[in-house]
Protein backbone atom coordinates (compact mmCIF):
# COMPACT_ATOMS: atom_id res chain seq x y z
CA MET A 1 94.54 -122.56 -117.47
CA LYS A 2 93.81 -119.19 -119.02
CA ALA A 3 95.69 -118.37 -122.21
CA LEU A 4 95.65 -115.84 -125.06
CA VAL A 5 94.77 -117.82 -128.17
CA LEU A 6 94.98 -116.60 -131.76
CA LEU A 7 91.85 -117.94 -133.45
CA ALA A 8 92.23 -116.06 -136.74
CA PRO A 9 94.29 -113.10 -137.94
CA GLY A 10 93.31 -110.13 -135.80
CA ARG A 11 91.34 -112.29 -133.36
CA LEU A 12 93.19 -112.88 -130.08
CA GLU A 13 91.01 -114.05 -127.20
CA MET A 14 91.45 -115.28 -123.64
CA LYS A 15 90.40 -118.93 -123.48
CA GLU A 16 90.43 -121.81 -121.04
CA MET A 17 93.03 -124.27 -122.34
CA PRO A 18 94.49 -127.55 -121.05
CA LYS A 19 97.53 -127.11 -118.84
CA PRO A 20 100.53 -128.39 -120.85
CA VAL A 21 102.39 -131.53 -119.83
CA PRO A 22 106.21 -131.34 -120.08
CA LYS A 23 107.97 -133.77 -122.39
CA PRO A 24 110.98 -135.68 -120.99
CA ASN A 25 113.41 -132.82 -121.75
CA GLU A 26 111.07 -129.95 -120.88
CA LEU A 27 110.19 -127.71 -117.97
CA LEU A 28 106.64 -126.79 -117.03
CA VAL A 29 106.81 -123.11 -116.11
CA LYS A 30 104.20 -121.21 -114.13
CA THR A 31 104.29 -117.88 -115.93
CA LYS A 32 105.16 -114.77 -113.94
CA ALA A 33 105.77 -112.36 -116.83
CA ALA A 34 105.40 -112.40 -120.61
CA THR A 35 106.48 -109.39 -122.64
CA ILE A 36 104.96 -108.27 -125.92
CA CYS A 37 107.25 -108.23 -128.96
CA THR A 38 106.68 -106.33 -132.18
CA SER A 39 106.69 -109.67 -133.97
CA ASP A 40 103.81 -110.81 -131.72
CA LEU A 41 101.81 -107.86 -133.02
CA HIS A 42 102.59 -108.84 -136.61
CA ASP A 43 101.83 -112.51 -136.01
CA ILE A 44 98.49 -111.64 -134.46
CA GLU A 45 97.49 -109.18 -137.16
CA TYR A 46 98.78 -110.90 -140.31
CA ASN A 47 99.92 -114.43 -139.39
CA PRO A 48 102.91 -114.10 -141.76
CA PHE A 49 104.36 -117.49 -140.70
CA ASN A 50 101.10 -119.28 -141.48
CA ILE A 51 100.76 -120.51 -137.91
CA ASN A 52 98.41 -123.46 -137.64
CA LEU A 53 95.57 -121.88 -135.67
CA PRO A 54 94.37 -121.86 -132.97
CA MET A 55 97.65 -121.22 -131.16
CA ILE A 56 98.62 -119.85 -127.75
CA MET A 57 100.76 -116.82 -128.54
CA GLY A 58 103.77 -115.16 -126.89
CA HIS A 59 107.48 -115.96 -126.87
CA GLU A 60 109.16 -113.73 -124.27
CA GLY A 61 108.33 -115.50 -121.02
CA ALA A 62 109.67 -116.13 -117.52
CA GLY A 63 108.37 -117.82 -114.41
CA VAL A 64 108.80 -120.55 -111.81
CA VAL A 65 109.41 -124.19 -112.66
CA GLU A 66 106.42 -126.22 -111.48
CA ALA A 67 107.42 -129.63 -112.85
CA VAL A 68 110.19 -131.18 -114.92
CA GLY A 69 110.34 -133.99 -117.46
CA GLU A 70 112.07 -137.23 -116.59
CA ASP A 71 115.26 -136.39 -118.52
CA VAL A 72 115.74 -132.92 -116.99
CA THR A 73 118.91 -132.67 -114.92
CA ASP A 74 119.69 -128.95 -114.64
CA PHE A 75 116.45 -127.63 -113.14
CA LYS A 76 114.05 -128.50 -110.36
CA PRO A 77 110.63 -127.31 -109.22
CA GLY A 78 110.85 -123.88 -107.62
CA ASP A 79 113.65 -122.60 -109.87
CA GLU A 80 113.03 -119.14 -111.30
CA VAL A 81 113.74 -119.21 -115.03
CA THR A 82 113.55 -117.25 -118.24
CA ALA A 83 113.08 -118.83 -121.64
CA HIS A 84 114.50 -118.52 -125.14
CA PRO A 85 111.72 -119.33 -127.63
CA VAL A 86 113.82 -120.80 -130.45
CA MET A 87 114.27 -124.56 -130.19
CA PRO A 88 116.54 -125.97 -132.92
CA CYS A 89 116.51 -129.68 -133.80
CA GLY A 90 120.30 -130.12 -133.61
CA GLU A 91 120.32 -132.58 -136.51
CA CYS A 92 119.47 -130.76 -139.77
CA GLY A 93 121.92 -129.36 -142.30
CA SER A 94 121.91 -125.91 -140.77
CA CYS A 95 122.40 -127.20 -137.22
CA THR A 96 125.29 -129.46 -138.22
CA ARG A 97 126.92 -126.43 -139.90
CA GLY A 98 126.82 -124.56 -136.59
CA LEU A 99 123.82 -122.47 -137.61
CA ASN A 100 121.26 -123.88 -135.21
CA HIS A 101 119.57 -120.48 -134.98
CA LEU A 102 118.63 -121.00 -138.64
CA CYS A 103 117.46 -124.58 -138.06
CA ASP A 104 115.60 -126.16 -140.96
CA ASN A 105 113.16 -127.82 -138.54
CA MET A 106 112.91 -125.10 -135.92
CA SER A 107 110.32 -125.16 -133.17
CA HIS A 108 109.31 -121.83 -131.65
CA LEU A 109 107.10 -120.66 -128.81
CA GLY A 110 103.90 -119.16 -130.18
CA ILE A 111 104.41 -120.57 -133.67
CA ASP A 112 104.31 -124.36 -133.44
CA HIS A 113 104.63 -124.71 -129.65
CA GLY A 114 102.22 -123.23 -127.11
CA GLY A 115 103.44 -119.78 -126.13
CA ALA A 116 103.98 -117.73 -122.99
CA PHE A 117 100.80 -115.63 -122.99
CA ALA A 118 99.32 -118.24 -120.66
CA GLU A 119 99.35 -119.18 -117.02
CA TYR A 120 101.70 -122.07 -117.86
CA PHE A 121 104.04 -122.90 -120.74
CA THR A 122 106.67 -125.54 -121.47
CA ILE A 123 110.22 -125.01 -122.68
CA ARG A 124 113.14 -127.34 -123.41
CA GLN A 125 115.69 -127.31 -120.60
CA ASP A 126 118.52 -126.28 -122.96
CA ARG A 127 116.58 -123.15 -123.91
CA ALA A 128 116.00 -122.01 -120.34
CA ARG A 129 118.26 -120.14 -117.94
CA LYS A 130 117.95 -119.49 -114.22
CA LYS A 131 116.82 -115.94 -113.57
CA PRO A 132 119.50 -113.75 -111.98
CA ALA A 133 118.34 -112.54 -108.57
CA VAL A 134 118.96 -108.90 -109.48
CA LEU A 135 116.39 -109.07 -112.29
CA ASP A 136 112.66 -109.28 -111.76
CA PHE A 137 110.64 -111.63 -113.95
CA ALA A 138 109.64 -108.96 -116.47
CA GLU A 139 113.23 -107.78 -116.84
CA SER A 140 114.46 -111.34 -117.37
CA THR A 141 112.07 -111.81 -120.32
CA LEU A 142 114.39 -109.46 -122.21
CA MET A 143 116.98 -112.23 -122.54
CA GLU A 144 115.89 -113.22 -126.04
CA PRO A 145 115.35 -109.64 -127.30
CA VAL A 146 118.88 -108.78 -126.15
CA CYS A 147 120.18 -111.94 -127.83
CA VAL A 148 118.81 -110.92 -131.22
CA CYS A 149 120.16 -107.38 -130.80
CA ILE A 150 123.62 -108.79 -130.14
CA GLU A 151 123.24 -110.83 -133.34
CA ALA A 152 122.22 -107.74 -135.32
CA LEU A 153 125.30 -105.83 -134.17
CA GLU A 154 127.58 -108.79 -134.83
CA ARG A 155 126.15 -109.13 -138.34
CA ALA A 156 126.67 -105.39 -138.85
CA ASN A 157 130.38 -105.98 -138.14
CA MET A 158 130.28 -103.43 -135.34
CA LYS A 159 133.63 -102.87 -133.63
CA ASP A 160 135.40 -100.36 -131.38
CA GLY A 161 135.85 -96.90 -132.87
CA ARG A 162 133.27 -97.32 -135.63
CA ASN A 163 130.28 -95.23 -136.64
CA ILE A 164 126.92 -96.99 -136.61
CA LEU A 165 123.55 -95.90 -137.97
CA ILE A 166 120.47 -97.44 -136.35
CA ILE A 167 117.28 -96.75 -138.27
CA GLY A 168 114.20 -97.16 -136.10
CA ASP A 169 113.34 -96.08 -132.55
CA GLY A 170 111.35 -99.14 -131.51
CA PRO A 171 112.43 -101.30 -128.56
CA PHE A 172 115.08 -103.11 -130.59
CA GLY A 173 116.61 -99.93 -131.98
CA ILE A 174 116.85 -98.57 -128.44
CA LEU A 175 118.36 -101.80 -127.10
CA MET A 176 120.96 -101.84 -129.89
CA SER A 177 121.83 -98.21 -129.24
CA ARG A 178 122.44 -98.94 -125.56
CA LEU A 179 124.44 -102.07 -126.37
CA CYS A 180 126.78 -99.90 -128.44
CA LYS A 181 128.12 -98.55 -125.14
CA LEU A 182 130.14 -101.78 -125.11
CA TYR A 183 132.23 -100.53 -128.04
CA ARG A 184 135.01 -98.06 -127.23
CA ASP A 185 134.85 -94.70 -129.04
CA ALA A 186 131.81 -95.73 -131.07
CA LYS A 187 129.61 -93.04 -132.60
CA VAL A 188 125.93 -93.99 -132.59
CA VAL A 189 123.32 -92.18 -134.67
CA LEU A 190 119.67 -93.16 -134.27
CA VAL A 191 116.94 -92.17 -136.72
CA GLY A 192 113.40 -92.21 -135.36
CA ARG A 193 110.04 -90.51 -135.28
CA HIS A 194 109.05 -90.39 -131.61
CA PRO A 195 110.80 -88.02 -129.16
CA PHE A 196 109.89 -90.16 -126.15
CA ARG A 197 111.52 -93.22 -127.64
CA MET A 198 114.58 -91.44 -129.01
CA ALA A 199 115.19 -90.00 -125.54
CA GLN A 200 115.69 -93.60 -124.34
CA ALA A 201 118.95 -93.74 -126.32
CA PRO A 202 121.06 -91.27 -124.34
CA ASN A 203 124.34 -92.38 -125.91
CA ALA A 204 123.13 -91.67 -129.45
CA VAL A 205 122.86 -88.62 -131.65
CA THR A 206 119.20 -88.68 -132.65
CA VAL A 207 117.58 -87.42 -135.83
CA ASN A 208 113.80 -87.09 -136.07
CA GLU A 209 112.75 -87.85 -139.63
CA LYS A 210 109.46 -85.99 -139.07
CA THR A 211 111.17 -82.67 -138.41
CA SER A 212 114.39 -83.00 -140.41
CA ASP A 213 114.64 -81.20 -143.77
CA SER A 214 117.14 -83.81 -144.91
CA VAL A 215 117.70 -86.92 -142.80
CA LEU A 216 120.71 -87.93 -144.88
CA ASP A 217 122.37 -84.53 -144.46
CA ASP A 218 121.71 -84.55 -140.70
CA ILE A 219 123.09 -88.03 -140.06
CA MET A 220 126.14 -87.40 -142.21
CA GLN A 221 126.80 -84.16 -140.35
CA ALA A 222 126.71 -86.13 -137.09
CA VAL A 223 129.75 -88.12 -138.28
CA ASP A 224 131.53 -85.19 -139.94
CA GLY A 225 130.61 -86.41 -143.40
CA LYS A 226 132.62 -89.61 -143.02
CA GLY A 227 129.72 -91.99 -143.49
CA PHE A 228 128.98 -95.10 -141.49
CA ASP A 229 130.91 -98.31 -141.07
CA SER A 230 127.79 -100.17 -139.93
CA ALA A 231 124.04 -99.76 -140.18
CA VAL A 232 121.12 -101.73 -138.80
CA LEU A 233 117.70 -101.65 -140.41
CA CYS A 234 115.15 -101.73 -137.57
CA VAL A 235 112.17 -100.64 -139.67
CA GLY A 236 110.95 -102.49 -142.72
CA THR A 237 110.60 -99.71 -145.29
CA ASN A 238 112.21 -99.07 -148.64
CA GLU A 239 112.99 -95.51 -147.54
CA ALA A 240 115.01 -96.80 -144.59
CA LEU A 241 116.86 -99.21 -146.86
CA ASP A 242 117.72 -96.39 -149.27
CA LEU A 243 118.95 -94.23 -146.39
CA ALA A 244 121.24 -96.95 -145.10
CA VAL A 245 122.75 -97.64 -148.52
CA ALA A 246 123.36 -93.92 -149.10
CA ALA A 247 124.90 -93.38 -145.65
CA LEU A 248 127.28 -96.34 -145.56
CA ARG A 249 130.90 -95.66 -146.42
CA PRO A 250 132.84 -97.94 -148.80
CA ARG A 251 133.00 -101.53 -147.51
CA GLY A 252 130.34 -100.70 -144.91
CA THR A 253 127.92 -103.35 -143.68
CA LEU A 254 124.13 -103.26 -143.47
CA SER A 255 122.45 -105.65 -141.05
CA VAL A 256 118.84 -106.25 -142.09
CA PHE A 257 117.08 -106.82 -138.79
CA SER A 258 113.61 -105.83 -140.00
CA ALA A 259 112.56 -107.29 -143.33
CA VAL A 260 111.15 -104.95 -145.96
CA LYS A 261 107.75 -106.14 -147.15
CA GLY A 262 107.52 -107.38 -150.69
CA LYS A 263 110.47 -106.99 -153.06
CA PRO A 264 112.14 -103.65 -152.33
CA THR A 265 114.02 -101.62 -154.87
CA ILE A 266 117.68 -101.07 -154.09
CA ASP A 267 120.41 -99.01 -155.74
CA MET A 268 122.69 -101.78 -156.93
CA PHE A 269 125.09 -99.27 -158.47
CA LYS A 270 125.88 -97.92 -154.99
CA ILE A 271 126.26 -101.48 -153.69
CA HIS A 272 128.69 -102.14 -156.53
CA VAL A 273 130.86 -99.03 -156.41
CA LYS A 274 131.06 -98.89 -152.60
CA GLU A 275 131.48 -102.68 -152.26
CA LEU A 276 128.85 -102.74 -149.55
CA ASN A 277 128.02 -105.82 -147.53
CA ILE A 278 124.32 -106.54 -146.95
CA CYS A 279 123.36 -109.37 -144.63
CA GLY A 280 120.32 -110.68 -142.85
CA SER A 281 120.00 -110.91 -139.08
CA CYS A 282 117.53 -113.47 -137.78
CA ASN A 283 117.42 -115.05 -134.31
CA ASP A 284 120.83 -115.42 -132.63
CA MET A 285 123.79 -117.73 -132.22
CA ASP A 286 123.04 -118.80 -128.63
CA TYR A 287 123.87 -115.55 -126.85
CA LEU A 288 121.67 -116.44 -123.84
CA ASP A 289 124.34 -116.17 -121.16
CA ARG A 290 125.89 -113.07 -122.71
CA ALA A 291 122.47 -111.42 -122.83
CA LEU A 292 121.80 -112.11 -119.15
CA GLU A 293 125.22 -110.66 -118.31
CA TYR A 294 124.39 -107.47 -120.19
CA LEU A 295 120.95 -107.24 -118.57
CA GLN A 296 122.68 -107.07 -115.19
CA ASP A 297 124.99 -104.25 -116.32
CA GLU A 298 123.74 -101.07 -114.65
CA GLU A 299 125.62 -98.84 -117.10
CA LEU A 300 123.81 -100.34 -120.08
CA ASN A 301 120.51 -100.32 -118.15
CA LEU A 302 118.82 -102.41 -120.81
CA LYS A 303 116.00 -103.42 -118.49
CA GLU A 304 114.73 -99.83 -118.57
CA VAL A 305 113.12 -100.49 -121.94
CA ILE A 306 110.26 -102.18 -120.09
CA THR A 307 108.13 -99.11 -119.52
CA HIS A 308 104.84 -100.74 -118.56
CA ARG A 309 103.68 -103.75 -116.53
CA LEU A 310 100.01 -104.67 -116.70
CA PRO A 311 98.11 -107.58 -115.12
CA PHE A 312 97.02 -110.48 -117.32
CA SER A 313 93.40 -109.40 -116.97
CA GLN A 314 94.29 -106.15 -118.77
CA PHE A 315 95.88 -107.82 -121.78
CA GLN A 316 93.85 -105.77 -124.25
CA GLU A 317 95.26 -102.52 -122.84
CA ALA A 318 98.74 -104.04 -122.83
CA PHE A 319 98.47 -104.82 -126.55
CA ARG A 320 97.03 -101.39 -127.28
CA LEU A 321 99.98 -99.74 -125.57
CA ALA A 322 102.49 -101.98 -127.35
CA ALA A 323 100.95 -101.23 -130.75
CA LYS A 324 99.84 -97.63 -130.42
CA GLY A 325 101.65 -96.10 -127.44
CA LYS A 326 104.75 -94.98 -129.29
CA ASP A 327 104.81 -91.64 -127.47
CA SER A 328 104.80 -93.20 -124.01
CA ALA A 329 105.80 -96.87 -124.19
CA LEU A 330 108.58 -99.18 -125.35
CA LYS A 331 108.23 -102.75 -124.09
CA VAL A 332 105.01 -103.75 -122.32
CA SER A 333 105.05 -106.77 -120.02
CA ILE A 334 102.04 -108.79 -118.91
CA ILE A 335 102.28 -109.80 -115.26
CA PHE A 336 100.72 -112.98 -113.87
CA ASP A 337 99.74 -113.76 -110.29
């Protein structure tokens, strides 16, 4: 089969690779769509997780079941499925505490398990879901991205009637903004840098940091100076972290969705006197079915974040758009025959 293989940081190539064989509890999926995630771009460029190379990349995949392992009971060949890339062990300390999304022995597509940027991939049956008929394959690959956005909002303690600040106008910031439609009387403020992307968050007040004289003043004005109950960090910069800490009201919660590189500075006095809550947000607590429900909600229209579909043969252009096309693209999906 043809697959996109990371040979070294910055060196992703199409190679002929052996077609994977499903283990007893796995599905062999003939890939129909695989969507590029920002983390794919980071993994390819920097290899921050120290992936043992070479590795077939990609973790947002969907397709048709071609074969099943001997222990599979819930799927059969011909089923149309979408996959969640995180495969917890179910036995470690974190899993037994109910935190399987933070598994100590986690397996993950594109990290230690062949990924979805290939004509075929395997996935454990418990991490797959049947594709709803109303979603095409590319749209269904958004299941896991929506899952992690739900997690970020849950960790931010978002509730009805609250103000939320989302910093970052990438695909995840836009998805979170749209998901906030689920909360009654919520006020959403999105800080970004790209008019095209900010326009994809129609329910949010948007502030362009490139043209604003004072981003803090502008976002505070949007909530009548009251500050924010919740904030989500969707860009990994110290400036964004400072903005969130300054904008949160007493007892507000910051959900760190995008890690800041290195060891950031932070105003601990503000954390202290405002009794702020700062928490990480990584993976998700099995929101697969909830995510698929939201993807079918026409009012949320989450599937609209896929702005481009390119054939597998044009993978280089697909990655260029995902990395550089911030004025015209959000999520870019690679389509397979």
